[in-house]
N, C-alpha and C. Protein backbone atom coordinates (compact mmCIF):
# COMPACT_ATOMS: atom_id res chain seq x y z
N MET A 1 -111.23 19.01 12.43
CA MET A 1 -110.77 20.32 12.93
C MET A 1 -109.55 20.81 12.16
N ALA A 2 -109.54 22.08 11.85
CA ALA A 2 -108.40 22.66 11.15
C ALA A 2 -107.25 22.88 12.13
N PRO A 3 -106.02 22.62 11.69
CA PRO A 3 -104.88 22.86 12.58
C PRO A 3 -104.72 24.34 12.89
N ARG A 4 -104.43 24.64 14.14
CA ARG A 4 -104.27 26.05 14.53
C ARG A 4 -102.81 26.45 14.44
N VAL A 5 -102.60 27.68 14.00
CA VAL A 5 -101.24 28.20 13.94
C VAL A 5 -100.96 28.97 15.23
N TYR A 6 -99.90 28.58 15.92
CA TYR A 6 -99.55 29.22 17.19
C TYR A 6 -98.39 30.18 16.97
N ARG A 7 -98.62 31.44 17.37
CA ARG A 7 -97.51 32.40 17.36
C ARG A 7 -96.93 32.44 18.77
N GLU A 8 -95.64 32.70 18.85
CA GLU A 8 -94.99 32.71 20.17
C GLU A 8 -95.65 33.72 21.11
N ALA A 9 -96.02 34.88 20.57
CA ALA A 9 -96.65 35.92 21.38
C ALA A 9 -97.98 35.44 21.97
N ASP A 10 -98.67 34.55 21.24
CA ASP A 10 -99.95 34.03 21.73
C ASP A 10 -99.75 32.91 22.76
N MET A 11 -98.73 32.11 22.56
CA MET A 11 -98.54 30.92 23.39
C MET A 11 -97.96 31.25 24.76
N VAL A 12 -96.98 32.12 24.80
CA VAL A 12 -96.21 32.31 26.03
C VAL A 12 -97.07 32.71 27.22
N PRO A 13 -97.99 33.69 27.09
CA PRO A 13 -98.79 34.07 28.26
C PRO A 13 -99.66 32.92 28.77
N SER A 14 -100.27 32.14 27.88
CA SER A 14 -101.16 31.06 28.32
C SER A 14 -100.37 29.96 29.04
N ILE A 15 -99.16 29.69 28.58
CA ILE A 15 -98.34 28.67 29.24
C ILE A 15 -97.83 29.20 30.58
N HIS A 16 -97.40 30.46 30.58
CA HIS A 16 -96.83 31.05 31.79
C HIS A 16 -97.87 31.11 32.91
N LEU A 17 -99.10 31.48 32.56
CA LEU A 17 -100.15 31.63 33.56
C LEU A 17 -100.97 30.35 33.74
N GLY A 18 -100.82 29.40 32.80
CA GLY A 18 -101.63 28.19 32.84
C GLY A 18 -103.10 28.51 32.64
N ALA A 19 -103.39 29.53 31.81
CA ALA A 19 -104.74 30.07 31.70
C ALA A 19 -105.51 29.54 30.49
N SER A 20 -104.96 28.56 29.76
CA SER A 20 -105.65 28.05 28.59
C SER A 20 -106.88 27.26 29.00
N ALA A 21 -108.01 27.52 28.33
CA ALA A 21 -109.26 26.83 28.66
C ALA A 21 -109.23 25.38 28.17
N ASP A 22 -108.53 25.14 27.05
CA ASP A 22 -108.50 23.81 26.44
C ASP A 22 -107.17 23.12 26.77
N PRO A 23 -107.18 22.02 27.52
CA PRO A 23 -105.93 21.34 27.89
C PRO A 23 -105.13 20.84 26.68
N ASP A 24 -105.85 20.44 25.60
CA ASP A 24 -105.15 19.99 24.39
C ASP A 24 -104.41 21.15 23.74
N GLU A 25 -105.05 22.30 23.74
CA GLU A 25 -104.44 23.50 23.17
C GLU A 25 -103.19 23.88 23.97
N PHE A 26 -103.32 23.79 25.28
CA PHE A 26 -102.21 24.07 26.19
C PHE A 26 -101.03 23.14 25.89
N ALA A 27 -101.32 21.83 25.75
CA ALA A 27 -100.28 20.84 25.50
C ALA A 27 -99.61 21.07 24.15
N ALA A 28 -100.41 21.41 23.13
CA ALA A 28 -99.88 21.63 21.79
C ALA A 28 -98.94 22.84 21.78
N ALA A 29 -99.34 23.90 22.46
CA ALA A 29 -98.51 25.10 22.52
C ALA A 29 -97.21 24.84 23.27
N GLU A 30 -97.32 24.09 24.37
CA GLU A 30 -96.15 23.77 25.18
C GLU A 30 -95.17 22.91 24.39
N LEU A 31 -95.72 21.94 23.64
CA LEU A 31 -94.90 21.03 22.84
C LEU A 31 -94.18 21.81 21.74
N LEU A 32 -94.91 22.74 21.11
CA LEU A 32 -94.31 23.53 20.03
C LEU A 32 -93.19 24.41 20.58
N LEU A 33 -93.40 25.00 21.74
CA LEU A 33 -92.35 25.81 22.36
C LEU A 33 -91.12 24.96 22.69
N ALA A 34 -91.37 23.76 23.20
CA ALA A 34 -90.26 22.85 23.53
C ALA A 34 -89.48 22.49 22.27
N TRP A 35 -90.20 22.24 21.16
CA TRP A 35 -89.56 21.85 19.90
C TRP A 35 -88.72 23.00 19.34
N THR A 36 -89.29 24.23 19.32
CA THR A 36 -88.54 25.38 18.79
C THR A 36 -87.32 25.64 19.67
N GLY A 37 -87.45 25.43 20.97
CA GLY A 37 -86.31 25.57 21.87
C GLY A 37 -85.21 24.59 21.56
N ARG A 38 -85.59 23.34 21.27
CA ARG A 38 -84.61 22.31 20.93
C ARG A 38 -83.87 22.67 19.65
N LEU A 39 -84.62 23.15 18.65
CA LEU A 39 -84.01 23.49 17.37
C LEU A 39 -82.98 24.60 17.53
N SER A 40 -83.32 25.63 18.32
CA SER A 40 -82.39 26.74 18.52
C SER A 40 -81.16 26.28 19.30
N CYS A 41 -81.34 25.36 20.24
CA CYS A 41 -80.21 24.83 21.00
C CYS A 41 -79.27 24.04 20.09
N ARG A 42 -79.84 23.24 19.21
CA ARG A 42 -79.02 22.45 18.29
C ARG A 42 -78.21 23.35 17.37
N ALA A 43 -78.84 24.41 16.87
CA ALA A 43 -78.15 25.35 15.99
C ALA A 43 -76.99 26.02 16.73
N GLY A 44 -77.23 26.38 17.99
CA GLY A 44 -76.19 27.00 18.81
C GLY A 44 -75.01 26.07 19.03
N ARG A 45 -75.30 24.81 19.31
CA ARG A 45 -74.23 23.83 19.53
C ARG A 45 -73.40 23.63 18.27
N ARG A 46 -74.08 23.57 17.12
CA ARG A 46 -73.37 23.39 15.85
C ARG A 46 -72.41 24.54 15.60
N ARG A 47 -72.90 25.76 15.80
CA ARG A 47 -72.06 26.94 15.56
C ARG A 47 -70.84 26.94 16.47
N ARG A 48 -71.06 26.61 17.74
CA ARG A 48 -69.95 26.56 18.70
C ARG A 48 -68.94 25.50 18.28
N GLY A 49 -69.44 24.34 17.84
CA GLY A 49 -68.57 23.25 17.42
C GLY A 49 -67.72 23.64 16.23
N GLU A 50 -68.32 24.36 15.26
CA GLU A 50 -67.57 24.80 14.08
C GLU A 50 -66.47 25.77 14.47
N ARG A 51 -66.79 26.69 15.38
CA ARG A 51 -65.79 27.67 15.83
C ARG A 51 -64.61 26.97 16.50
N LEU A 52 -64.92 25.99 17.35
CA LEU A 52 -63.87 25.26 18.05
C LEU A 52 -62.98 24.50 17.07
N ARG A 53 -63.59 23.89 16.06
CA ARG A 53 -62.81 23.14 15.07
C ARG A 53 -61.88 24.05 14.30
N ARG A 54 -62.37 25.23 13.93
CA ARG A 54 -61.55 26.19 13.18
C ARG A 54 -60.34 26.63 14.00
N ARG A 55 -60.56 26.87 15.29
CA ARG A 55 -59.46 27.28 16.18
C ARG A 55 -58.42 26.18 16.30
N SER A 56 -58.89 24.93 16.42
CA SER A 56 -57.95 23.82 16.62
C SER A 56 -57.13 23.54 15.35
N LEU A 57 -57.68 23.87 14.17
CA LEU A 57 -56.95 23.63 12.91
C LEU A 57 -55.80 24.62 12.72
N ARG A 58 -55.96 25.85 13.31
CA ARG A 58 -54.93 26.88 13.09
C ARG A 58 -53.62 26.57 13.79
């Protein structure tokens, strides 16, 4: 099977409603959303940390 590309616009409604016909597809979309969420959280924490360090150095 070829790997499917999931766009956020496609994934969100199926996860929100639980309307996906294929449970594997549902799990893959949910996992991808969780991963992208983690990445954005990490980036946010890094930026906040850098700002705090700059303030403390002044």
